[in-house]
Amino acid sequence: MRPEAVCGLLAEEERLLVFSAVVLGASTPSAVADATALPARDVVRAIQRLEQGGLLRVAEGKLFADRGTFKDAIREYAAPPAADEPLDPDQAKAAVLRAFIRDGRLTSVPAARGKRRVVLEHIAASFEPGIKYPERAVDAVLRAWYDDYASLRRFLVDEELMARDRGIYWRTGGPVDIA
């Protein structure tokens, strides 16, 4: 069933109330009428329409809501995910970044030094060259990338992508976007 059809079935207030009552446990038309304060005639009509549409079913004289219809409709008719824009023009680097960065966050720090360097260079680009940052500002930026921001900060300094002196940090390495 298309998502629009599911929404259409629930667009009428009576059908929405009846479906909600069944989801909340009303299992007979009279229980639905009691729960919704709708006239019995409206309840029966809504049940029939919801049953025809596949949102309700009757088994052994009891009403059941088929909540799986919602998931099925989305799975079947959802738009395909948008193609991810590469995180780097270099395909090899983009593949490494795609493996370790999800939704703008670092999932884990790569163990392999080469891969870790690619990820750290990408993260270092969050800092402007020539700008000095207090440690709190560096931590705030790195926290947005990864929960263990202190390790990231240490890796950036160890890889000479950032330097520090008395709690002040600045970017010292990595590629620079001149566009």
N, C-alpha and C. Protein backbone atom coordinates (compact mmCIF):
# COMPACT_ATOMS: atom_id res chain seq x y z
N MET A 1 0.84 -1.17 0.00
CA MET A 1 0.00 0.00 0.00
C MET A 1 0.89 1.24 0.00
N ARG A 2 0.52 2.21 -0.79
CA ARG A 2 1.29 3.44 -0.88
C ARG A 2 1.10 4.27 0.41
N PRO A 3 2.14 4.99 0.83
CA PRO A 3 2.01 5.83 2.03
C PRO A 3 0.86 6.83 1.94
N GLU A 4 0.61 7.34 0.73
CA GLU A 4 -0.49 8.30 0.56
C GLU A 4 -1.83 7.62 0.86
N ALA A 5 -1.96 6.35 0.51
CA ALA A 5 -3.20 5.61 0.77
C ALA A 5 -3.39 5.41 2.27
N VAL A 6 -2.30 5.12 2.97
CA VAL A 6 -2.39 4.95 4.43
C VAL A 6 -2.84 6.27 5.05
N CYS A 7 -2.23 7.35 4.63
CA CYS A 7 -2.62 8.67 5.16
C CYS A 7 -4.07 8.98 4.80
N GLY A 8 -4.47 8.62 3.60
CA GLY A 8 -5.84 8.85 3.17
C GLY A 8 -6.84 8.10 4.04
N LEU A 9 -6.49 6.87 4.41
CA LEU A 9 -7.38 6.09 5.27
C LEU A 9 -7.56 6.75 6.63
N LEU A 10 -6.53 7.40 7.10
CA LEU A 10 -6.59 8.01 8.44
C LEU A 10 -6.90 9.51 8.39
N ALA A 11 -7.20 10.03 7.21
CA ALA A 11 -7.47 11.46 7.07
C ALA A 11 -8.81 11.86 7.66
N GLU A 12 -9.77 10.95 7.66
CA GLU A 12 -11.08 11.24 8.25
C GLU A 12 -11.00 11.04 9.75
N GLU A 13 -11.50 12.00 10.49
CA GLU A 13 -11.38 11.96 11.95
C GLU A 13 -11.97 10.70 12.55
N GLU A 14 -13.13 10.25 12.05
CA GLU A 14 -13.77 9.06 12.61
C GLU A 14 -12.87 7.84 12.44
N ARG A 15 -12.28 7.69 11.25
CA ARG A 15 -11.41 6.53 11.02
C ARG A 15 -10.15 6.62 11.88
N LEU A 16 -9.63 7.81 12.04
CA LEU A 16 -8.44 7.98 12.88
C LEU A 16 -8.76 7.62 14.33
N LEU A 17 -9.92 8.07 14.82
CA LEU A 17 -10.32 7.75 16.19
C LEU A 17 -10.53 6.24 16.37
N VAL A 18 -11.18 5.62 15.40
CA VAL A 18 -11.43 4.18 15.49
C VAL A 18 -10.11 3.42 15.47
N PHE A 19 -9.23 3.76 14.53
CA PHE A 19 -7.92 3.08 14.45
C PHE A 19 -7.16 3.26 15.76
N SER A 20 -7.15 4.47 16.29
CA SER A 20 -6.45 4.75 17.55
C SER A 20 -7.01 3.92 18.69
N ALA A 21 -8.33 3.82 18.76
CA ALA A 21 -8.96 3.05 19.83
C ALA A 21 -8.55 1.58 19.74
N VAL A 22 -8.50 1.05 18.53
CA VAL A 22 -8.10 -0.35 18.37
C VAL A 22 -6.63 -0.53 18.75
N VAL A 23 -5.78 0.39 18.33
CA VAL A 23 -4.36 0.33 18.71
C VAL A 23 -4.23 0.34 20.23
N LEU A 24 -5.06 1.11 20.91
CA LEU A 24 -4.98 1.23 22.36
C LEU A 24 -5.71 0.12 23.10
N GLY A 25 -6.27 -0.84 22.34
CA GLY A 25 -6.79 -2.02 23.01
C GLY A 25 -8.27 -2.31 22.84
N ALA A 26 -9.05 -1.44 22.26
CA ALA A 26 -10.47 -1.73 22.03
C ALA A 26 -10.55 -2.84 20.98
N SER A 27 -11.24 -3.93 21.32
CA SER A 27 -11.22 -5.07 20.41
C SER A 27 -12.58 -5.42 19.82
N THR A 28 -13.60 -4.67 20.17
CA THR A 28 -14.93 -4.90 19.60
C THR A 28 -15.51 -3.56 19.18
N PRO A 29 -16.48 -3.59 18.25
CA PRO A 29 -17.09 -2.32 17.84
C PRO A 29 -17.70 -1.55 19.02
N SER A 30 -18.30 -2.25 19.96
CA SER A 30 -18.89 -1.54 21.10
C SER A 30 -17.81 -0.92 21.98
N ALA A 31 -16.68 -1.60 22.15
CA ALA A 31 -15.57 -1.03 22.94
C ALA A 31 -15.00 0.20 22.23
N VAL A 32 -14.94 0.13 20.90
CA VAL A 32 -14.46 1.28 20.13
C VAL A 32 -15.42 2.45 20.29
N ALA A 33 -16.73 2.16 20.20
CA ALA A 33 -17.73 3.22 20.36
C ALA A 33 -17.62 3.86 21.74
N ASP A 34 -17.41 3.05 22.77
CA ASP A 34 -17.26 3.58 24.13
C ASP A 34 -16.01 4.45 24.24
N ALA A 35 -14.92 3.98 23.63
CA ALA A 35 -13.65 4.71 23.74
C ALA A 35 -13.65 6.01 22.95
N THR A 36 -14.40 6.05 21.86
CA THR A 36 -14.34 7.22 20.98
C THR A 36 -15.53 8.16 21.12
N ALA A 37 -16.58 7.68 21.76
CA ALA A 37 -17.84 8.43 21.89
C ALA A 37 -18.47 8.71 20.52
N LEU A 38 -18.18 7.86 19.54
CA LEU A 38 -18.79 7.97 18.21
C LEU A 38 -20.05 7.12 18.17
N PRO A 39 -21.01 7.52 17.35
CA PRO A 39 -22.20 6.67 17.18
C PRO A 39 -21.80 5.31 16.59
N ALA A 40 -22.50 4.26 16.98
CA ALA A 40 -22.19 2.90 16.54
C ALA A 40 -22.15 2.80 15.02
N ARG A 41 -23.06 3.48 14.35
CA ARG A 41 -23.13 3.44 12.89
C ARG A 41 -21.83 3.98 12.29
N ASP A 42 -21.28 5.08 12.82
CA ASP A 42 -20.02 5.64 12.32
C ASP A 42 -18.84 4.71 12.61
N VAL A 43 -18.88 4.05 13.77
CA VAL A 43 -17.82 3.11 14.13
C VAL A 43 -17.79 1.94 13.15
N VAL A 44 -18.95 1.36 12.87
CA VAL A 44 -19.03 0.21 11.97
C VAL A 44 -18.56 0.60 10.57
N ARG A 45 -18.99 1.76 10.10
CA ARG A 45 -18.58 2.23 8.78
C ARG A 45 -17.05 2.43 8.73
N ALA A 46 -16.47 3.03 9.77
CA ALA A 46 -15.03 3.26 9.81
C ALA A 46 -14.27 1.94 9.89
N ILE A 47 -14.78 1.00 10.68
CA ILE A 47 -14.13 -0.32 10.77
C ILE A 47 -14.10 -0.99 9.40
N GLN A 48 -15.24 -0.95 8.71
CA GLN A 48 -15.31 -1.57 7.38
C GLN A 48 -14.29 -0.95 6.43
N ARG A 49 -14.23 0.36 6.42
CA ARG A 49 -13.30 1.05 5.51
C ARG A 49 -11.85 0.75 5.88
N LEU A 50 -11.53 0.75 7.17
CA LEU A 50 -10.17 0.46 7.62
C LEU A 50 -9.80 -1.00 7.34
N GLU A 51 -10.77 -1.88 7.44
CA GLU A 51 -10.53 -3.29 7.13
C GLU A 51 -10.28 -3.47 5.63
N GLN A 52 -11.07 -2.79 4.82
CA GLN A 52 -10.87 -2.85 3.36
C GLN A 52 -9.50 -2.31 2.98
N GLY A 53 -9.08 -1.27 3.68
CA GLY A 53 -7.78 -0.64 3.39
C GLY A 53 -6.60 -1.39 3.96
N GLY A 54 -6.84 -2.39 4.80
CA GLY A 54 -5.75 -3.19 5.33
C GLY A 54 -5.16 -2.71 6.64
N LEU A 55 -5.77 -1.70 7.26
CA LEU A 55 -5.24 -1.23 8.54
C LEU A 55 -5.84 -1.97 9.73
N LEU A 56 -7.01 -2.54 9.57
CA LEU A 56 -7.64 -3.34 10.63
C LEU A 56 -7.94 -4.72 10.06
N ARG A 57 -7.95 -5.69 10.96
CA ARG A 57 -8.40 -7.02 10.58
C ARG A 57 -9.21 -7.59 11.74
N VAL A 58 -10.08 -8.51 11.41
CA VAL A 58 -10.91 -9.16 12.41
C VAL A 58 -10.50 -10.62 12.47
N ALA A 59 -10.19 -11.09 13.66
CA ALA A 59 -9.83 -12.49 13.88
C ALA A 59 -10.54 -12.97 15.14
N GLU A 60 -11.28 -14.05 14.99
CA GLU A 60 -12.03 -14.63 16.11
C GLU A 60 -12.92 -13.59 16.78
N GLY A 61 -13.53 -12.74 15.97
CA GLY A 61 -14.47 -11.75 16.47
C GLY A 61 -13.83 -10.55 17.15
N LYS A 62 -12.52 -10.43 17.09
CA LYS A 62 -11.83 -9.30 17.73
C LYS A 62 -11.13 -8.46 16.67
N LEU A 63 -11.05 -7.18 16.95
CA LEU A 63 -10.37 -6.24 16.05
C LEU A 63 -8.89 -6.14 16.38
N PHE A 64 -8.08 -6.11 15.34
CA PHE A 64 -6.64 -5.94 15.50
C PHE A 64 -6.16 -4.89 14.50
N ALA A 65 -5.27 -4.03 14.97
CA ALA A 65 -4.66 -3.03 14.09
C ALA A 65 -3.43 -3.64 13.44
N ASP A 66 -3.31 -3.49 12.16
CA ASP A 66 -2.13 -3.98 11.44
C ASP A 66 -1.14 -2.83 11.34
N ARG A 67 -0.33 -2.67 12.37
CA ARG A 67 0.62 -1.56 12.43
C ARG A 67 1.78 -1.75 11.46
N GLY A 68 2.01 -2.97 11.04
CA GLY A 68 3.09 -3.24 10.08
C GLY A 68 2.87 -2.59 8.74
N THR A 69 1.62 -2.22 8.45
CA THR A 69 1.31 -1.56 7.18
C THR A 69 2.13 -0.29 7.01
N PHE A 70 2.35 0.43 8.08
CA PHE A 70 3.11 1.68 8.01
C PHE A 70 4.56 1.40 7.56
N LYS A 71 5.21 0.46 8.22
CA LYS A 71 6.59 0.12 7.86
C LYS A 71 6.67 -0.42 6.44
N ASP A 72 5.71 -1.30 6.10
CA ASP A 72 5.71 -1.87 4.75
C ASP A 72 5.58 -0.78 3.69
N ALA A 73 4.69 0.18 3.93
CA ALA A 73 4.48 1.25 2.95
C ALA A 73 5.75 2.09 2.77
N ILE A 74 6.42 2.39 3.85
CA ILE A 74 7.64 3.19 3.76
C ILE A 74 8.75 2.40 3.10
N ARG A 75 8.91 1.14 3.49
CA ARG A 75 9.97 0.33 2.90
C ARG A 75 9.78 0.16 1.40
N GLU A 76 8.53 -0.05 1.00
CA GLU A 76 8.26 -0.33 -0.41
C GLU A 76 8.33 0.92 -1.28
N TYR A 77 7.90 2.06 -0.74
CA TYR A 77 7.77 3.25 -1.57
C TYR A 77 8.69 4.40 -1.19
N ALA A 78 9.59 4.18 -0.27
CA ALA A 78 10.50 5.26 0.13
C ALA A 78 11.39 5.63 -1.04
N ALA A 79 11.69 6.90 -1.12
CA ALA A 79 12.61 7.37 -2.16
C ALA A 79 13.98 6.76 -1.90
N PRO A 80 14.71 6.44 -2.94
CA PRO A 80 16.04 5.88 -2.73
C PRO A 80 16.92 6.93 -2.03
N PRO A 81 17.84 6.47 -1.20
CA PRO A 81 18.69 7.44 -0.52
C PRO A 81 19.49 8.25 -1.53
N ALA A 82 19.66 9.50 -1.20
CA ALA A 82 20.43 10.39 -2.09
C ALA A 82 21.87 9.90 -2.14
N ALA A 83 22.44 10.01 -3.30
CA ALA A 83 23.84 9.60 -3.44
C ALA A 83 24.68 10.52 -2.57
N ASP A 84 25.50 9.90 -1.74
CA ASP A 84 26.36 10.71 -0.87
C ASP A 84 27.37 11.47 -1.70
N GLU A 85 27.52 12.71 -1.37
CA GLU A 85 28.55 13.51 -2.02
C GLU A 85 29.88 13.07 -1.43
N PRO A 86 30.87 12.81 -2.27
CA PRO A 86 32.15 12.36 -1.72
C PRO A 86 32.73 13.40 -0.78
N LEU A 87 33.37 12.93 0.28
CA LEU A 87 33.95 13.82 1.27
C LEU A 87 35.32 14.35 0.83
N ASP A 88 35.84 13.78 -0.25
CA ASP A 88 37.14 14.22 -0.77
C ASP A 88 37.16 13.95 -2.26
N PRO A 89 37.78 14.83 -3.05
CA PRO A 89 37.84 14.58 -4.50
C PRO A 89 38.66 13.33 -4.86
N ASP A 90 39.63 12.99 -4.05
CA ASP A 90 40.44 11.79 -4.26
C ASP A 90 39.60 10.58 -3.86
N GLN A 91 39.36 9.67 -4.80
CA GLN A 91 38.47 8.53 -4.54
C GLN A 91 38.97 7.62 -3.43
N ALA A 92 40.27 7.42 -3.35
CA ALA A 92 40.83 6.57 -2.30
C ALA A 92 40.58 7.18 -0.92
N LYS A 93 40.82 8.49 -0.81
CA LYS A 93 40.57 9.17 0.46
C LYS A 93 39.07 9.19 0.78
N ALA A 94 38.25 9.41 -0.24
CA ALA A 94 36.80 9.43 -0.04
C ALA A 94 36.32 8.08 0.48
N ALA A 95 36.90 6.99 0.00
CA ALA A 95 36.51 5.66 0.46
C ALA A 95 36.86 5.48 1.93
N VAL A 96 38.03 5.95 2.34
CA VAL A 96 38.43 5.87 3.75
C VAL A 96 37.48 6.70 4.60
N LEU A 97 37.20 7.91 4.17
CA LEU A 97 36.30 8.78 4.95
C LEU A 97 34.90 8.20 5.04
N ARG A 98 34.42 7.62 3.95
CA ARG A 98 33.09 7.01 3.94
C ARG A 98 33.02 5.84 4.93
N ALA A 99 34.14 5.14 5.11
CA ALA A 99 34.17 4.00 6.03
C ALA A 99 34.15 4.42 7.50
N PHE A 100 34.64 5.62 7.79
CA PHE A 100 34.77 6.02 9.19
C PHE A 100 33.91 7.20 9.60
N ILE A 101 33.25 7.85 8.66
CA ILE A 101 32.41 9.00 8.99
C ILE A 101 30.98 8.73 8.55
N ARG A 102 30.06 8.81 9.49
CA ARG A 102 28.63 8.62 9.22
C ARG A 102 27.88 9.82 9.76
N ASP A 103 27.05 10.41 8.92
CA ASP A 103 26.22 11.54 9.33
C ASP A 103 27.05 12.65 9.98
N GLY A 104 28.22 12.88 9.42
CA GLY A 104 29.05 13.98 9.91
C GLY A 104 29.78 13.69 11.20
N ARG A 105 29.77 12.43 11.64
CA ARG A 105 30.47 12.07 12.88
C ARG A 105 31.43 10.93 12.62
N LEU A 106 32.52 10.94 13.33
CA LEU A 106 33.51 9.88 13.26
C LEU A 106 32.98 8.68 14.03
N THR A 107 32.90 7.52 13.39
CA THR A 107 32.38 6.32 14.07
C THR A 107 33.45 5.66 14.92
N SER A 108 34.70 5.69 14.45
CA SER A 108 35.83 5.17 15.22
C SER A 108 37.11 5.74 14.61
N VAL A 109 38.15 5.72 15.40
CA VAL A 109 39.44 6.20 14.92
C VAL A 109 40.14 5.01 14.25
N PRO A 110 40.53 5.16 13.00
CA PRO A 110 41.19 4.05 12.31
C PRO A 110 42.47 3.63 13.03
N ALA A 111 42.70 2.34 13.09
CA ALA A 111 43.93 1.82 13.71
C ALA A 111 45.12 1.98 12.78
N ALA A 112 44.89 1.79 11.49
CA ALA A 112 45.97 1.91 10.51
C ALA A 112 46.39 3.37 10.38
N ARG A 113 47.68 3.61 10.47
CA ARG A 113 48.17 4.98 10.48
C ARG A 113 47.79 5.76 9.22
N GLY A 114 47.88 5.14 8.06
CA GLY A 114 47.56 5.83 6.80
C GLY A 114 46.10 6.27 6.76
N LYS A 115 45.21 5.39 7.17
CA LYS A 115 43.78 5.73 7.19
C LYS A 115 43.51 6.79 8.26
N ARG A 116 44.16 6.64 9.41
CA ARG A 116 43.98 7.62 10.48
C ARG A 116 44.42 8.99 10.02
N ARG A 117 45.52 9.04 9.26
CA ARG A 117 46.03 10.32 8.74
C ARG A 117 45.00 10.97 7.82
N VAL A 118 44.36 10.18 6.95
CA VAL A 118 43.34 10.71 6.03
C VAL A 118 42.19 11.31 6.84
N VAL A 119 41.74 10.59 7.85
CA VAL A 119 40.62 11.07 8.68
C VAL A 119 41.02 12.32 9.45
N LEU A 120 42.21 12.31 10.02
CA LEU A 120 42.66 13.47 10.80
C LEU A 120 42.85 14.70 9.92
N GLU A 121 43.34 14.52 8.68
CA GLU A 121 43.46 15.67 7.78
C GLU A 121 42.09 16.25 7.46
N HIS A 122 41.13 15.38 7.32
CA HIS A 122 39.76 15.84 7.05
C HIS A 122 39.22 16.65 8.24
N ILE A 123 39.46 16.14 9.43
CA ILE A 123 38.98 16.83 10.64
C ILE A 123 39.76 18.13 10.86
N ALA A 124 41.05 18.12 10.56
CA ALA A 124 41.87 19.33 10.73
C ALA A 124 41.35 20.47 9.87
N ALA A 125 40.70 20.14 8.77
CA ALA A 125 40.14 21.17 7.89
C ALA A 125 39.03 21.96 8.58
N SER A 126 38.58 21.51 9.75
CA SER A 126 37.58 22.25 10.52
C SER A 126 38.19 23.51 11.15
N PHE A 127 39.51 23.59 11.16
CA PHE A 127 40.20 24.72 11.76
C PHE A 127 40.84 25.56 10.67
N GLU A 128 40.73 26.86 10.80
CA GLU A 128 41.30 27.79 9.82
C GLU A 128 42.80 27.94 10.06
N PRO A 129 43.60 27.84 9.01
CA PRO A 129 45.03 28.09 9.18
C PRO A 129 45.26 29.55 9.61
N GLY A 130 46.22 29.74 10.48
CA GLY A 130 46.56 31.10 10.91
C GLY A 130 45.73 31.61 12.08
N ILE A 131 44.74 30.86 12.51
CA ILE A 131 43.89 31.27 13.64
C ILE A 131 44.33 30.49 14.87
N LYS A 132 44.44 31.18 16.00
CA LYS A 132 44.79 30.51 17.25
C LYS A 132 43.50 30.26 18.02
N TYR A 133 43.39 29.03 18.56
CA TYR A 133 42.18 28.59 19.25
C TYR A 133 42.50 28.20 20.69
N PRO A 134 41.70 28.67 21.65
CA PRO A 134 41.87 28.17 23.01
C PRO A 134 41.42 26.70 23.05
N GLU A 135 41.92 25.97 24.01
CA GLU A 135 41.62 24.54 24.11
C GLU A 135 40.12 24.26 24.15
N ARG A 136 39.37 25.10 24.81
CA ARG A 136 37.91 24.89 24.90
C ARG A 136 37.26 24.95 23.52
N ALA A 137 37.72 25.85 22.67
CA ALA A 137 37.16 25.96 21.32
C ALA A 137 37.53 24.73 20.49
N VAL A 138 38.76 24.26 20.64
CA VAL A 138 39.20 23.05 19.93
C VAL A 138 38.34 21.87 20.40
N ASP A 139 38.15 21.76 21.71
CA ASP A 139 37.34 20.66 22.25
C ASP A 139 35.91 20.72 21.72
N ALA A 140 35.35 21.89 21.62
CA ALA A 140 33.98 22.03 21.13
C ALA A 140 33.86 21.55 19.69
N VAL A 141 34.83 21.91 18.86
CA VAL A 141 34.81 21.46 17.46
C VAL A 141 34.99 19.96 17.39
N LEU A 142 35.94 19.43 18.13
CA LEU A 142 36.23 17.99 18.07
C LEU A 142 35.12 17.15 18.69
N ARG A 143 34.44 17.69 19.69
CA ARG A 143 33.32 16.98 20.31
C ARG A 143 32.19 16.75 19.30
N ALA A 144 32.05 17.68 18.37
CA ALA A 144 31.04 17.50 17.32
C ALA A 144 31.41 16.34 16.40
N TRP A 145 32.69 16.02 16.32
CA TRP A 145 33.15 14.92 15.48
C TRP A 145 33.11 13.57 16.19
N TYR A 146 33.49 13.56 17.49
CA TYR A 146 33.72 12.28 18.16
C TYR A 146 33.64 12.50 19.66
N ASP A 147 33.09 11.53 20.37
CA ASP A 147 32.92 11.69 21.82
C ASP A 147 34.26 11.78 22.55
N ASP A 148 35.26 11.03 22.12
CA ASP A 148 36.57 11.09 22.76
C ASP A 148 37.42 12.18 22.08
N TYR A 149 36.99 13.42 22.30
CA TYR A 149 37.64 14.56 21.65
C TYR A 149 39.07 14.77 22.12
N ALA A 150 39.39 14.36 23.34
CA ALA A 150 40.75 14.53 23.85
C ALA A 150 41.73 13.67 23.03
N SER A 151 41.32 12.45 22.69
CA SER A 151 42.17 11.60 21.86
C SER A 151 42.36 12.22 20.48
N LEU A 152 41.29 12.74 19.92
CA LEU A 152 41.41 13.40 18.60
C LEU A 152 42.39 14.55 18.67
N ARG A 153 42.29 15.35 19.71
CA ARG A 153 43.18 16.51 19.87
C ARG A 153 44.63 16.03 19.96
N ARG A 154 44.85 14.97 20.71
CA ARG A 154 46.19 14.41 20.86
C ARG A 154 46.71 13.88 19.51
N PHE A 155 45.84 13.15 18.78
CA PHE A 155 46.23 12.64 17.46
C PHE A 155 46.60 13.78 16.51
N LEU A 156 45.81 14.84 16.52
CA LEU A 156 46.08 15.98 15.63
C LEU A 156 47.44 16.60 15.93
N VAL A 157 47.78 16.70 17.20
CA VAL A 157 49.09 17.26 17.59
C VAL A 157 50.20 16.27 17.24
N ASP A 158 49.99 14.98 17.54
CA ASP A 158 51.01 13.97 17.24
C ASP A 158 51.30 13.87 15.74
N GLU A 159 50.28 14.03 14.93
CA GLU A 159 50.45 13.95 13.47
C GLU A 159 50.90 15.29 12.88
N GLU A 160 51.16 16.26 13.74
CA GLU A 160 51.62 17.59 13.34
C GLU A 160 50.65 18.31 12.41
N LEU A 161 49.36 18.05 12.64
CA LEU A 161 48.32 18.79 11.92
C LEU A 161 47.91 20.01 12.73
N MET A 162 48.18 19.96 14.04
CA MET A 162 47.96 21.11 14.93
C MET A 162 49.14 21.20 15.88
N ALA A 163 49.39 22.41 16.34
CA ALA A 163 50.43 22.63 17.34
C ALA A 163 49.78 23.27 18.55
N ARG A 164 50.46 23.17 19.70
CA ARG A 164 49.91 23.77 20.90
C ARG A 164 51.01 24.40 21.74
N ASP A 165 50.59 25.42 22.47
CA ASP A 165 51.49 26.08 23.41
C ASP A 165 50.63 26.72 24.49
N ARG A 166 50.79 26.26 25.72
CA ARG A 166 50.07 26.81 26.88
C ARG A 166 48.55 26.91 26.65
N GLY A 167 47.95 25.83 26.17
CA GLY A 167 46.49 25.79 26.01
C GLY A 167 45.96 26.49 24.78
N ILE A 168 46.87 26.95 23.91
CA ILE A 168 46.47 27.59 22.66
C ILE A 168 46.87 26.66 21.51
N TYR A 169 45.96 26.44 20.57
CA TYR A 169 46.19 25.52 19.45
C TYR A 169 46.07 26.27 18.14
N TRP A 170 46.78 25.81 17.12
CA TRP A 170 46.65 26.35 15.78
C TRP A 170 46.97 25.24 14.78
N ARG A 171 46.40 25.39 13.64
CA ARG A 171 46.57 24.39 12.58
C ARG A 171 47.92 24.58 11.93
N THR A 172 48.64 23.45 11.77
CA THR A 172 50.00 23.52 11.19
C THR A 172 50.15 22.61 9.98
N GLY A 173 49.16 21.81 9.66
CA GLY A 173 49.33 20.88 8.54
C GLY A 173 48.00 20.53 7.91
N GLY A 174 48.11 19.64 6.93
CA GLY A 174 46.92 19.20 6.20
C GLY A 174 46.66 20.08 5.00
N PRO A 175 45.83 19.61 4.11
CA PRO A 175 45.52 20.39 2.91
C PRO A 175 44.73 21.65 3.24
N VAL A 176 44.90 22.64 2.40
CA VAL A 176 44.20 23.90 2.60
C VAL A 176 43.34 24.17 1.37
N ASP A 177 42.07 24.44 1.60
CA ASP A 177 41.17 24.76 0.50
C ASP A 177 41.33 26.24 0.16
N ILE A 178 41.78 26.53 -1.04
CA ILE A 178 42.02 27.92 -1.43
C ILE A 178 40.87 28.49 -2.27
N ALA A 179 39.83 27.68 -2.47
CA ALA A 179 38.69 28.16 -3.29
C ALA A 179 37.83 29.14 -2.54
